[in-house]
């Protein structure tokens, strides 16, 4: 008899949550124990006896790999499966680097979701065949693919915050770094992205589907 798997879901779309709940409830050894609409709601609530967290990367109050880092800070030992509309070329590598154990796009069949959950619960990582092919083709080289692959984790985070309209002061407060440090990272990412100002940062992120 298979061990019962308790699941926590964080996604800000009711239809998506209902669909995932239906898939999980139709699987004998799986139970959707907790569901949250926002990251702040999740962070302010204590959960227990959870085996895996399903996390959307585009929430109303958090976007991108920052949400993974926040979840990992609170629950270091619970594995995270990213379930997102963003394809692997956008956030896949960074999500795995940030600590996710798997990355699955929402256009996959329900059977793939069950397979991904079971693989991660068994102690392995899950990546789709498309993601695997992409990793092989790029050989993990940062100078291949889109320009934002050249950015460090901190530069990438600051790029997204700048693109969302936050000021250096707000970013410094959020990341607990000085405004001068924010400016240094900004200068570096502008150079790496081959652009000149914050408007172009926002345009770049929109064109590459890094923000919505």
N, C-alpha and C. Protein backbone atom coordinates (compact mmCIF):
# COMPACT_ATOMS: atom_id res chain seq x y z
N UNK A 1 0.84 -1.21 0.00
CA UNK A 1 0.00 0.00 0.00
C UNK A 1 0.87 1.25 0.00
N UNK A 2 0.56 2.18 -0.90
CA UNK A 2 1.36 3.41 -1.00
C UNK A 2 1.11 4.33 0.18
N UNK A 3 2.19 5.04 0.59
CA UNK A 3 2.08 6.03 1.65
C UNK A 3 1.21 7.19 1.18
N UNK A 4 0.35 7.68 2.05
CA UNK A 4 -0.50 8.82 1.69
C UNK A 4 0.36 10.08 1.58
N UNK A 5 0.17 10.86 0.52
CA UNK A 5 0.96 12.07 0.27
C UNK A 5 0.10 13.30 0.55
N UNK A 6 0.50 14.09 1.53
CA UNK A 6 -0.20 15.32 1.87
C UNK A 6 0.41 16.49 1.09
N UNK A 7 -0.44 17.25 0.43
CA UNK A 7 0.01 18.28 -0.51
C UNK A 7 -0.50 19.65 -0.09
N UNK A 8 0.38 20.66 -0.27
CA UNK A 8 0.00 22.06 -0.08
C UNK A 8 0.11 22.76 -1.43
N UNK A 9 -0.91 23.53 -1.78
CA UNK A 9 -0.96 24.23 -3.07
C UNK A 9 -1.03 25.74 -2.87
N UNK A 10 -0.16 26.47 -3.59
CA UNK A 10 -0.17 27.93 -3.56
C UNK A 10 -0.36 28.42 -4.99
N UNK A 11 -1.54 28.95 -5.28
CA UNK A 11 -1.87 29.43 -6.63
C UNK A 11 -2.99 30.45 -6.51
N UNK A 12 -2.88 31.56 -7.23
CA UNK A 12 -3.86 32.64 -7.05
C UNK A 12 -5.05 32.56 -8.00
N UNK A 13 -5.21 31.44 -8.72
CA UNK A 13 -6.37 31.29 -9.60
C UNK A 13 -7.27 30.17 -9.09
N UNK A 14 -8.50 30.52 -8.77
CA UNK A 14 -9.45 29.56 -8.21
C UNK A 14 -9.69 28.37 -9.15
N UNK A 15 -9.81 28.64 -10.45
CA UNK A 15 -10.05 27.57 -11.40
C UNK A 15 -8.90 26.57 -11.43
N UNK A 16 -7.68 27.10 -11.34
CA UNK A 16 -6.51 26.23 -11.32
C UNK A 16 -6.51 25.38 -10.05
N UNK A 17 -6.78 26.01 -8.92
CA UNK A 17 -6.80 25.26 -7.65
C UNK A 17 -7.88 24.18 -7.69
N UNK A 18 -9.05 24.52 -8.24
CA UNK A 18 -10.13 23.54 -8.32
C UNK A 18 -9.73 22.37 -9.22
N UNK A 19 -9.06 22.67 -10.32
CA UNK A 19 -8.64 21.62 -11.24
C UNK A 19 -7.62 20.69 -10.62
N UNK A 20 -6.64 21.27 -9.92
CA UNK A 20 -5.61 20.46 -9.27
C UNK A 20 -6.21 19.64 -8.14
N UNK A 21 -7.14 20.25 -7.41
CA UNK A 21 -7.81 19.53 -6.32
C UNK A 21 -8.55 18.30 -6.87
N UNK A 22 -9.21 18.48 -8.02
CA UNK A 22 -9.93 17.37 -8.64
C UNK A 22 -8.97 16.24 -9.03
N UNK A 23 -7.83 16.61 -9.62
CA UNK A 23 -6.83 15.61 -10.03
C UNK A 23 -6.32 14.85 -8.82
N UNK A 24 -5.98 15.59 -7.76
CA UNK A 24 -5.42 14.97 -6.55
C UNK A 24 -6.45 14.08 -5.86
N UNK A 25 -7.69 14.56 -5.78
CA UNK A 25 -8.74 13.78 -5.11
C UNK A 25 -9.08 12.49 -5.84
N UNK A 26 -8.75 12.44 -7.12
CA UNK A 26 -8.99 11.22 -7.91
C UNK A 26 -7.83 10.23 -7.81
N UNK A 27 -6.78 10.64 -7.08
CA UNK A 27 -5.61 9.77 -6.89
C UNK A 27 -5.64 9.20 -5.48
N UNK A 28 -5.67 7.89 -5.38
CA UNK A 28 -5.95 7.21 -4.12
C UNK A 28 -5.06 7.63 -2.96
N UNK A 29 -3.76 7.79 -3.20
CA UNK A 29 -2.85 8.02 -2.08
C UNK A 29 -2.46 9.49 -1.91
N UNK A 30 -3.24 10.42 -2.51
CA UNK A 30 -2.90 11.84 -2.41
C UNK A 30 -4.03 12.64 -1.78
N UNK A 31 -3.63 13.66 -1.00
CA UNK A 31 -4.60 14.48 -0.28
C UNK A 31 -4.16 15.94 -0.33
N UNK A 32 -5.02 16.81 -0.86
CA UNK A 32 -4.73 18.25 -0.84
C UNK A 32 -5.11 18.78 0.54
N UNK A 33 -4.11 18.94 1.39
CA UNK A 33 -4.36 19.29 2.79
C UNK A 33 -4.51 20.79 3.00
N UNK A 34 -3.71 21.59 2.27
CA UNK A 34 -3.78 23.05 2.41
C UNK A 34 -3.75 23.70 1.04
N UNK A 35 -4.48 24.80 0.89
CA UNK A 35 -4.39 25.60 -0.34
C UNK A 35 -4.43 27.07 0.02
N UNK A 36 -3.62 27.86 -0.70
CA UNK A 36 -3.51 29.29 -0.42
C UNK A 36 -3.55 30.07 -1.74
N UNK A 37 -4.13 31.26 -1.66
CA UNK A 37 -4.26 32.12 -2.84
C UNK A 37 -3.05 33.02 -3.01
N UNK A 38 -2.41 33.42 -1.92
CA UNK A 38 -1.28 34.33 -1.97
C UNK A 38 -0.12 33.79 -1.15
N UNK A 39 1.07 34.30 -1.44
CA UNK A 39 2.25 33.89 -0.68
C UNK A 39 2.16 34.42 0.75
N UNK A 40 1.67 35.64 0.91
CA UNK A 40 1.59 36.23 2.26
C UNK A 40 0.63 35.41 3.14
N UNK A 41 -0.46 34.91 2.55
CA UNK A 41 -1.39 34.06 3.30
C UNK A 41 -0.69 32.78 3.74
N UNK A 42 0.10 32.20 2.83
CA UNK A 42 0.85 30.99 3.16
C UNK A 42 1.87 31.27 4.26
N UNK A 43 2.62 32.37 4.12
CA UNK A 43 3.70 32.68 5.06
C UNK A 43 3.17 32.98 6.45
N UNK A 44 1.94 33.45 6.54
CA UNK A 44 1.37 33.81 7.85
C UNK A 44 0.63 32.65 8.51
N UNK A 45 0.62 31.48 7.86
CA UNK A 45 -0.09 30.31 8.37
C UNK A 45 0.90 29.18 8.62
N UNK A 46 0.72 28.46 9.70
CA UNK A 46 1.57 27.31 10.00
C UNK A 46 0.95 26.06 9.38
N UNK A 47 1.78 25.30 8.68
CA UNK A 47 1.31 24.04 8.11
C UNK A 47 2.11 22.89 8.74
N UNK A 48 1.54 21.71 8.76
CA UNK A 48 2.23 20.56 9.34
C UNK A 48 1.88 19.30 8.56
N UNK A 49 2.76 18.31 8.66
CA UNK A 49 2.56 17.02 7.99
C UNK A 49 2.32 17.17 6.48
N UNK A 50 3.07 18.10 5.87
CA UNK A 50 2.99 18.30 4.42
C UNK A 50 4.20 17.63 3.77
N UNK A 51 3.96 16.88 2.71
CA UNK A 51 5.04 16.15 2.02
C UNK A 51 5.61 16.90 0.83
N UNK A 52 4.81 17.78 0.22
CA UNK A 52 5.27 18.52 -0.95
C UNK A 52 4.43 19.79 -1.12
N UNK A 53 5.07 20.84 -1.62
CA UNK A 53 4.39 22.11 -1.88
C UNK A 53 4.35 22.34 -3.40
N UNK A 54 3.16 22.57 -3.94
CA UNK A 54 3.00 22.95 -5.34
C UNK A 54 2.91 24.48 -5.38
N UNK A 55 3.82 25.10 -6.09
CA UNK A 55 3.94 26.56 -6.05
C UNK A 55 3.88 27.18 -7.43
N UNK A 56 2.97 28.13 -7.61
CA UNK A 56 2.91 28.91 -8.85
C UNK A 56 3.97 30.00 -8.77
N UNK A 57 4.59 30.33 -9.90
CA UNK A 57 5.64 31.35 -9.91
C UNK A 57 5.11 32.76 -10.10
N UNK A 58 3.85 32.90 -10.49
CA UNK A 58 3.28 34.22 -10.72
C UNK A 58 2.07 34.40 -9.81
N UNK A 59 2.33 34.91 -8.61
CA UNK A 59 1.29 35.17 -7.64
C UNK A 59 1.00 36.66 -7.59
N UNK A 60 -0.13 37.03 -7.04
CA UNK A 60 -0.49 38.45 -7.00
C UNK A 60 0.45 39.26 -6.12
N UNK A 61 1.10 38.60 -5.15
CA UNK A 61 1.98 39.33 -4.23
C UNK A 61 3.43 38.88 -4.30
N UNK A 62 3.77 38.05 -5.29
CA UNK A 62 5.16 37.60 -5.45
C UNK A 62 5.34 37.00 -6.82
N UNK A 63 6.49 37.27 -7.44
CA UNK A 63 6.74 36.72 -8.76
C UNK A 63 8.16 36.17 -8.84
N UNK A 64 8.31 35.10 -9.62
CA UNK A 64 9.62 34.56 -9.90
C UNK A 64 10.22 33.75 -8.77
N UNK A 65 11.55 33.62 -8.82
CA UNK A 65 12.25 32.74 -7.88
C UNK A 65 12.24 33.26 -6.45
N UNK A 66 11.91 34.53 -6.26
CA UNK A 66 11.86 35.08 -4.90
C UNK A 66 10.85 34.32 -4.04
N UNK A 67 9.76 33.87 -4.64
CA UNK A 67 8.75 33.12 -3.89
C UNK A 67 9.30 31.78 -3.43
N UNK A 68 10.14 31.15 -4.26
CA UNK A 68 10.77 29.88 -3.87
C UNK A 68 11.67 30.10 -2.66
N UNK A 69 12.45 31.16 -2.71
CA UNK A 69 13.37 31.45 -1.61
C UNK A 69 12.62 31.72 -0.31
N UNK A 70 11.50 32.43 -0.40
CA UNK A 70 10.70 32.71 0.79
C UNK A 70 10.15 31.43 1.40
N UNK A 71 9.63 30.55 0.55
CA UNK A 71 9.08 29.28 1.04
C UNK A 71 10.17 28.43 1.67
N UNK A 72 11.36 28.39 1.04
CA UNK A 72 12.46 27.59 1.54
C UNK A 72 12.95 28.10 2.89
N UNK A 73 12.89 29.40 3.10
CA UNK A 73 13.32 29.96 4.38
C UNK A 73 12.44 29.46 5.51
N UNK A 74 11.14 29.33 5.25
CA UNK A 74 10.20 28.93 6.30
C UNK A 74 10.14 27.42 6.46
N UNK A 75 10.18 26.68 5.35
CA UNK A 75 10.09 25.23 5.40
C UNK A 75 11.22 24.62 4.58
N UNK A 76 12.37 24.50 5.22
CA UNK A 76 13.59 24.08 4.52
C UNK A 76 13.52 22.66 3.98
N UNK A 77 12.80 21.78 4.66
CA UNK A 77 12.85 20.36 4.30
C UNK A 77 11.71 19.89 3.40
N UNK A 78 10.72 20.74 3.17
CA UNK A 78 9.60 20.32 2.32
C UNK A 78 9.94 20.60 0.85
N UNK A 79 9.93 19.57 0.00
CA UNK A 79 10.26 19.79 -1.41
C UNK A 79 9.21 20.63 -2.13
N UNK A 80 9.66 21.39 -3.12
CA UNK A 80 8.78 22.29 -3.88
C UNK A 80 8.74 21.85 -5.34
N UNK A 81 7.52 21.71 -5.85
CA UNK A 81 7.31 21.49 -7.28
C UNK A 81 6.71 22.76 -7.86
N UNK A 82 7.41 23.38 -8.80
CA UNK A 82 6.89 24.57 -9.46
C UNK A 82 5.85 24.14 -10.49
N UNK A 83 4.70 24.77 -10.42
CA UNK A 83 3.60 24.51 -11.36
C UNK A 83 3.21 25.86 -11.95
N UNK A 84 3.58 26.11 -13.21
CA UNK A 84 3.51 27.47 -13.75
C UNK A 84 3.11 27.50 -15.22
N UNK A 85 2.70 28.69 -15.66
CA UNK A 85 2.40 28.89 -17.08
C UNK A 85 3.66 29.26 -17.86
N UNK A 86 4.74 29.61 -17.15
CA UNK A 86 5.99 30.03 -17.81
C UNK A 86 6.78 28.81 -18.27
N UNK A 87 7.21 28.82 -19.52
CA UNK A 87 7.95 27.65 -20.00
C UNK A 87 9.34 27.59 -19.38
N UNK A 88 9.98 26.46 -19.56
CA UNK A 88 11.25 26.19 -18.87
C UNK A 88 12.36 27.17 -19.22
N UNK A 89 12.34 27.71 -20.43
CA UNK A 89 13.41 28.62 -20.85
C UNK A 89 13.37 29.94 -20.09
N UNK A 90 12.23 30.26 -19.49
CA UNK A 90 12.10 31.52 -18.77
C UNK A 90 12.64 31.44 -17.35
N UNK A 91 12.19 30.45 -16.60
CA UNK A 91 12.54 30.37 -15.18
C UNK A 91 13.06 29.01 -14.74
N UNK A 92 13.08 28.02 -15.63
CA UNK A 92 13.39 26.66 -15.23
C UNK A 92 14.70 26.51 -14.48
N UNK A 93 15.78 26.96 -15.09
CA UNK A 93 17.10 26.79 -14.47
C UNK A 93 17.18 27.54 -13.16
N UNK A 94 16.70 28.77 -13.13
CA UNK A 94 16.78 29.58 -11.90
C UNK A 94 15.90 29.00 -10.80
N UNK A 95 14.78 28.44 -11.17
CA UNK A 95 13.91 27.84 -10.17
C UNK A 95 14.60 26.66 -9.49
N UNK A 96 15.26 25.84 -10.28
CA UNK A 96 15.98 24.69 -9.72
C UNK A 96 17.18 25.16 -8.90
N UNK A 97 17.86 26.19 -9.36
CA UNK A 97 18.98 26.73 -8.60
C UNK A 97 18.52 27.32 -7.26
N UNK A 98 17.29 27.84 -7.24
CA UNK A 98 16.76 28.46 -6.02
C UNK A 98 16.28 27.41 -5.01
N UNK A 99 16.22 26.15 -5.43
CA UNK A 99 15.87 25.11 -4.47
C UNK A 99 14.66 24.27 -4.81
N UNK A 100 13.99 24.56 -5.94
CA UNK A 100 12.84 23.73 -6.33
C UNK A 100 13.33 22.34 -6.73
N UNK A 101 12.50 21.33 -6.47
CA UNK A 101 12.85 19.95 -6.82
C UNK A 101 12.26 19.53 -8.17
N UNK A 102 11.39 20.39 -8.72
CA UNK A 102 10.81 20.07 -10.01
C UNK A 102 10.18 21.29 -10.64
N UNK A 103 9.97 21.22 -11.96
CA UNK A 103 9.42 22.34 -12.71
C UNK A 103 8.47 21.78 -13.76
N UNK A 104 7.18 22.13 -13.64
CA UNK A 104 6.16 21.59 -14.54
C UNK A 104 5.27 22.72 -15.04
N UNK A 105 5.07 22.78 -16.35
CA UNK A 105 4.18 23.81 -16.90
C UNK A 105 2.73 23.32 -16.86
N UNK A 106 1.80 24.27 -16.78
CA UNK A 106 0.39 23.94 -16.57
C UNK A 106 -0.29 23.33 -17.79
N UNK A 107 0.40 23.31 -18.92
CA UNK A 107 -0.21 22.72 -20.12
C UNK A 107 0.03 21.21 -20.21
N UNK A 108 0.66 20.64 -19.18
CA UNK A 108 0.90 19.20 -19.17
C UNK A 108 -0.36 18.44 -18.78
N UNK A 109 -0.39 17.16 -19.12
CA UNK A 109 -1.51 16.30 -18.75
C UNK A 109 -1.51 16.06 -17.24
N UNK A 110 -2.68 15.74 -16.70
CA UNK A 110 -2.81 15.50 -15.27
C UNK A 110 -1.92 14.34 -14.82
N UNK A 111 -1.73 13.36 -15.69
CA UNK A 111 -0.90 12.20 -15.34
C UNK A 111 0.55 12.62 -15.10
N UNK A 112 0.99 13.67 -15.79
CA UNK A 112 2.37 14.15 -15.62
C UNK A 112 2.53 14.82 -14.26
N UNK A 113 1.49 15.51 -13.80
CA UNK A 113 1.53 16.12 -12.47
C UNK A 113 1.67 15.04 -11.41
N UNK A 114 0.89 13.98 -11.51
CA UNK A 114 0.97 12.88 -10.54
C UNK A 114 2.35 12.24 -10.58
N UNK A 115 2.87 12.05 -11.78
CA UNK A 115 4.20 11.45 -11.94
C UNK A 115 5.26 12.33 -11.30
N UNK A 116 5.17 13.65 -11.52
CA UNK A 116 6.15 14.59 -10.96
C UNK A 116 6.11 14.55 -9.44
N UNK A 117 4.92 14.56 -8.87
CA UNK A 117 4.78 14.52 -7.41
C UNK A 117 5.40 13.24 -6.85
N UNK A 118 5.09 12.11 -7.45
CA UNK A 118 5.59 10.83 -6.96
C UNK A 118 7.12 10.75 -7.09
N UNK A 119 7.66 11.29 -8.16
CA UNK A 119 9.11 11.24 -8.36
C UNK A 119 9.82 12.07 -7.30
N UNK A 120 9.29 13.25 -7.01
CA UNK A 120 9.91 14.12 -6.01
C UNK A 120 9.78 13.51 -4.62
N UNK A 121 8.63 12.94 -4.32
CA UNK A 121 8.43 12.30 -3.02
C UNK A 121 9.40 11.14 -2.83
N UNK A 122 9.79 10.49 -3.92
CA UNK A 122 10.73 9.38 -3.84
C UNK A 122 12.17 9.84 -3.61
N UNK A 123 12.37 11.16 -3.57
CA UNK A 123 13.70 11.70 -3.30
C UNK A 123 14.46 12.15 -4.53
N UNK A 124 13.82 12.10 -5.69
CA UNK A 124 14.47 12.51 -6.93
C UNK A 124 13.97 13.89 -7.38
N UNK A 125 14.61 14.42 -8.40
CA UNK A 125 14.15 15.67 -8.99
C UNK A 125 13.33 15.37 -10.24
N UNK A 126 12.41 16.29 -10.56
CA UNK A 126 11.61 16.11 -11.77
C UNK A 126 11.88 17.24 -12.74
N UNK A 127 12.21 16.89 -13.97
CA UNK A 127 12.24 17.86 -15.07
C UNK A 127 11.61 17.16 -16.28
N UNK A 128 10.89 17.94 -17.08
CA UNK A 128 10.24 17.37 -18.26
C UNK A 128 11.27 17.03 -19.32
N UNK A 129 10.85 16.27 -20.30
CA UNK A 129 11.76 15.92 -21.39
C UNK A 129 12.18 17.17 -22.17
N UNK A 130 11.25 18.13 -22.32
CA UNK A 130 11.59 19.38 -23.01
C UNK A 130 12.66 20.15 -22.24
N UNK A 131 12.50 20.20 -20.92
CA UNK A 131 13.46 20.90 -20.07
C UNK A 131 14.82 20.21 -20.14
N UNK A 132 14.81 18.89 -20.11
CA UNK A 132 16.05 18.13 -20.18
C UNK A 132 16.79 18.40 -21.48
N UNK A 133 16.04 18.42 -22.58
CA UNK A 133 16.65 18.72 -23.88
C UNK A 133 17.24 20.11 -23.92
N UNK A 134 16.53 21.06 -23.28
CA UNK A 134 17.02 22.43 -23.27
C UNK A 134 18.32 22.54 -22.49
N UNK A 135 18.40 21.84 -21.34
CA UNK A 135 19.62 21.88 -20.54
C UNK A 135 20.79 21.26 -21.28
N UNK A 136 20.53 20.17 -21.97
CA UNK A 136 21.60 19.52 -22.73
C UNK A 136 22.09 20.41 -23.86
N UNK A 137 21.15 21.07 -24.54
CA UNK A 137 21.52 21.88 -25.71
C UNK A 137 22.32 23.12 -25.31
N UNK A 138 22.06 23.65 -24.11
CA UNK A 138 22.79 24.85 -23.69
C UNK A 138 24.02 24.53 -22.86
N UNK A 139 24.13 23.26 -22.39
CA UNK A 139 25.28 22.85 -21.58
C UNK A 139 25.48 23.73 -20.36
N UNK A 140 24.35 24.30 -19.86
CA UNK A 140 24.38 25.14 -18.67
C UNK A 140 25.26 26.38 -18.84
N UNK A 141 25.59 26.76 -20.07
CA UNK A 141 26.48 27.90 -20.29
C UNK A 141 25.67 29.19 -20.26
N UNK A 142 26.08 30.12 -19.41
CA UNK A 142 25.33 31.35 -19.23
C UNK A 142 25.43 32.27 -20.44
N UNK A 143 26.43 32.07 -21.28
CA UNK A 143 26.55 32.96 -22.43
C UNK A 143 25.74 32.49 -23.62
N UNK A 144 24.92 31.43 -23.42
CA UNK A 144 24.03 30.97 -24.47
C UNK A 144 22.60 31.28 -24.07
N UNK A 145 21.72 31.32 -25.07
CA UNK A 145 20.32 31.60 -24.77
C UNK A 145 20.09 33.08 -24.55
N UNK A 146 18.98 33.44 -23.86
CA UNK A 146 18.64 34.85 -23.64
C UNK A 146 19.68 35.56 -22.78
N UNK A 147 19.75 36.87 -22.95
CA UNK A 147 20.77 37.65 -22.24
C UNK A 147 20.64 37.56 -20.73
N UNK A 148 19.43 37.39 -20.21
CA UNK A 148 19.29 37.36 -18.75
C UNK A 148 19.90 36.11 -18.14
N UNK A 149 20.29 35.12 -18.96
CA UNK A 149 21.02 33.97 -18.42
C UNK A 149 22.40 34.37 -17.92
N UNK A 150 22.87 35.54 -18.34
CA UNK A 150 24.18 36.02 -17.90
C UNK A 150 24.15 36.57 -16.47
N UNK A 151 22.96 36.88 -15.98
CA UNK A 151 22.85 37.57 -14.69
C UNK A 151 23.04 36.62 -13.51
N UNK A 152 23.59 37.17 -12.43
CA UNK A 152 23.68 36.42 -11.18
C UNK A 152 22.29 36.37 -10.56
N UNK A 153 22.12 35.55 -9.52
CA UNK A 153 20.81 35.46 -8.85
C UNK A 153 20.37 36.82 -8.34
N UNK A 154 21.29 37.57 -7.71
CA UNK A 154 20.94 38.87 -7.15
C UNK A 154 20.61 39.87 -8.26
N UNK A 155 21.40 39.86 -9.33
CA UNK A 155 21.12 40.76 -10.45
C UNK A 155 19.76 40.46 -11.06
N UNK A 156 19.44 39.18 -11.18
CA UNK A 156 18.15 38.78 -11.76
C UNK A 156 17.00 39.26 -10.87
N UNK A 157 17.14 39.10 -9.56
CA UNK A 157 16.10 39.54 -8.62
C UNK A 157 15.89 41.05 -8.71
N UNK A 158 16.98 41.80 -8.76
CA UNK A 158 16.89 43.25 -8.83
C UNK A 158 16.30 43.69 -10.17
N UNK A 159 16.63 42.99 -11.24
CA UNK A 159 16.04 43.30 -12.54
C UNK A 159 14.52 43.20 -12.48
N UNK A 160 14.01 42.12 -11.88
CA UNK A 160 12.56 41.93 -11.79
C UNK A 160 11.91 43.01 -10.92
N UNK A 161 12.58 43.39 -9.84
CA UNK A 161 12.04 44.42 -8.95
C UNK A 161 12.02 45.78 -9.65
N UNK A 162 13.07 46.09 -10.38
CA UNK A 162 13.11 47.35 -11.15
C UNK A 162 12.03 47.34 -12.22
N UNK A 163 11.87 46.20 -12.88
CA UNK A 163 10.87 46.10 -13.93
C UNK A 163 9.46 46.27 -13.39
N UNK A 164 9.26 45.91 -12.12
CA UNK A 164 7.93 46.04 -11.52
C UNK A 164 7.66 47.45 -11.03
N UNK A 165 8.67 48.34 -11.17
CA UNK A 165 8.47 49.74 -10.82
C UNK A 165 8.98 50.16 -9.46
N UNK A 166 9.68 49.27 -8.76
CA UNK A 166 10.18 49.62 -7.43
C UNK A 166 11.43 50.49 -7.54
N UNK A 167 11.57 51.40 -6.58
CA UNK A 167 12.70 52.31 -6.56
C UNK A 167 13.90 51.63 -5.90
N UNK A 168 15.11 52.16 -6.10
CA UNK A 168 16.29 51.61 -5.43
C UNK A 168 16.14 51.59 -3.91
N UNK A 169 15.49 52.61 -3.35
CA UNK A 169 15.26 52.64 -1.91
C UNK A 169 14.38 51.48 -1.47
N UNK A 170 13.29 51.24 -2.20
CA UNK A 170 12.38 50.14 -1.87
C UNK A 170 13.07 48.78 -2.03
N UNK A 171 13.88 48.66 -3.07
CA UNK A 171 14.60 47.41 -3.31
C UNK A 171 15.63 47.17 -2.21
N UNK A 172 16.34 48.22 -1.84
CA UNK A 172 17.33 48.10 -0.77
C UNK A 172 16.69 47.64 0.53
N UNK A 173 15.52 48.19 0.84
CA UNK A 173 14.80 47.81 2.06
C UNK A 173 14.34 46.36 1.99
N UNK A 174 13.81 45.97 0.82
CA UNK A 174 13.28 44.62 0.67
C UNK A 174 14.37 43.56 0.73
N UNK A 175 15.54 43.87 0.14
CA UNK A 175 16.63 42.89 0.09
C UNK A 175 17.65 43.07 1.21
N UNK A 176 17.43 44.10 2.02
CA UNK A 176 18.33 44.41 3.14
C UNK A 176 19.76 44.69 2.66
N UNK A 177 19.85 45.54 1.63
CA UNK A 177 21.14 45.99 1.13
C UNK A 177 21.07 47.51 0.94
N UNK A 178 22.22 48.15 0.81
CA UNK A 178 22.25 49.61 0.68
C UNK A 178 21.81 50.04 -0.72
N UNK A 179 21.40 51.31 -0.82
CA UNK A 179 21.01 51.86 -2.12
C UNK A 179 22.21 51.84 -3.07
N UNK A 180 23.39 52.08 -2.52
CA UNK A 180 24.60 52.06 -3.34
C UNK A 180 24.82 50.67 -3.95
N UNK A 181 24.57 49.64 -3.15
CA UNK A 181 24.72 48.27 -3.65
C UNK A 181 23.70 47.98 -4.73
N UNK A 182 22.46 48.46 -4.54
CA UNK A 182 21.43 48.30 -5.56
C UNK A 182 21.89 48.94 -6.87
N UNK A 183 22.45 50.14 -6.76
CA UNK A 183 22.91 50.86 -7.95
C UNK A 183 24.03 50.11 -8.66
N UNK A 184 24.91 49.49 -7.87
CA UNK A 184 26.01 48.71 -8.45
C UNK A 184 25.47 47.52 -9.24
N UNK A 185 24.51 46.80 -8.64
CA UNK A 185 23.90 45.66 -9.34
C UNK A 185 23.15 46.12 -10.58
N UNK A 186 22.48 47.27 -10.47
CA UNK A 186 21.73 47.80 -11.61
C UNK A 186 22.67 48.09 -12.78
N UNK A 187 23.82 48.70 -12.47
CA UNK A 187 24.78 49.02 -13.53
C UNK A 187 25.29 47.75 -14.20
N UNK A 188 25.52 46.72 -13.40
CA UNK A 188 26.01 45.45 -13.95
C UNK A 188 24.98 44.79 -14.87
N UNK A 189 23.72 44.78 -14.41
CA UNK A 189 22.69 44.10 -15.22
C UNK A 189 22.38 44.88 -16.49
N UNK A 190 22.45 46.21 -16.42
CA UNK A 190 22.25 47.00 -17.64
C UNK A 190 23.32 46.65 -18.67
N UNK A 191 24.55 46.51 -18.19
CA UNK A 191 25.65 46.18 -19.09
C UNK A 191 25.46 44.79 -19.70
N UNK A 192 25.09 43.83 -18.88
CA UNK A 192 24.93 42.46 -19.35
C UNK A 192 23.75 42.31 -20.31
N UNK A 193 22.70 43.11 -20.07
CA UNK A 193 21.52 43.04 -20.93
C UNK A 193 21.65 43.95 -22.15
N UNK A 194 22.71 44.73 -22.16
CA UNK A 194 23.00 45.64 -23.28
C UNK A 194 21.88 46.65 -23.47
N UNK A 195 21.41 47.21 -22.35
CA UNK A 195 20.38 48.24 -22.37
C UNK A 195 20.83 49.40 -21.50
N UNK A 196 20.01 50.50 -21.44
CA UNK A 196 20.52 51.73 -20.84
C UNK A 196 19.73 52.27 -19.65
N UNK A 197 18.46 51.90 -19.47
CA UNK A 197 17.69 52.51 -18.40
C UNK A 197 16.57 51.59 -17.91
N UNK A 198 15.84 52.06 -16.90
CA UNK A 198 14.80 51.24 -16.28
C UNK A 198 13.63 50.94 -17.23
N UNK A 199 13.33 51.89 -18.12
CA UNK A 199 12.25 51.65 -19.09
C UNK A 199 12.61 50.46 -19.97
N UNK A 200 13.88 50.40 -20.38
CA UNK A 200 14.31 49.28 -21.22
C UNK A 200 14.36 47.98 -20.43
N UNK A 201 14.62 48.06 -19.12
CA UNK A 201 14.57 46.86 -18.27
C UNK A 201 13.16 46.29 -18.29
N UNK A 202 12.16 47.17 -18.08
CA UNK A 202 10.77 46.73 -18.08
C UNK A 202 10.39 46.15 -19.43
N UNK A 203 10.79 46.82 -20.50
CA UNK A 203 10.47 46.34 -21.85
C UNK A 203 11.12 44.97 -22.10
N UNK A 204 12.36 44.81 -21.65
CA UNK A 204 13.06 43.54 -21.83
C UNK A 204 12.32 42.42 -21.10
N UNK A 205 11.92 42.68 -19.86
CA UNK A 205 11.23 41.66 -19.06
C UNK A 205 9.88 41.30 -19.66
N UNK A 206 9.16 42.30 -20.18
CA UNK A 206 7.88 42.04 -20.82
C UNK A 206 8.07 41.23 -22.11
N UNK A 207 9.06 41.60 -22.90
CA UNK A 207 9.32 40.91 -24.16
C UNK A 207 9.73 39.45 -23.96
N UNK A 208 10.35 39.18 -22.79
CA UNK A 208 10.81 37.81 -22.50
C UNK A 208 9.90 37.09 -21.53
N UNK A 209 8.69 37.68 -21.30
CA UNK A 209 7.69 37.05 -20.44
C UNK A 209 8.20 36.77 -19.03
N UNK A 210 9.06 37.66 -18.53
CA UNK A 210 9.58 37.50 -17.17
C UNK A 210 8.67 38.17 -16.14
N UNK A 211 7.83 39.08 -16.60
CA UNK A 211 6.80 39.69 -15.74
C UNK A 211 5.51 39.73 -16.54
N UNK A 212 4.40 39.90 -15.83
CA UNK A 212 3.11 39.98 -16.52
C UNK A 212 2.42 41.28 -16.14
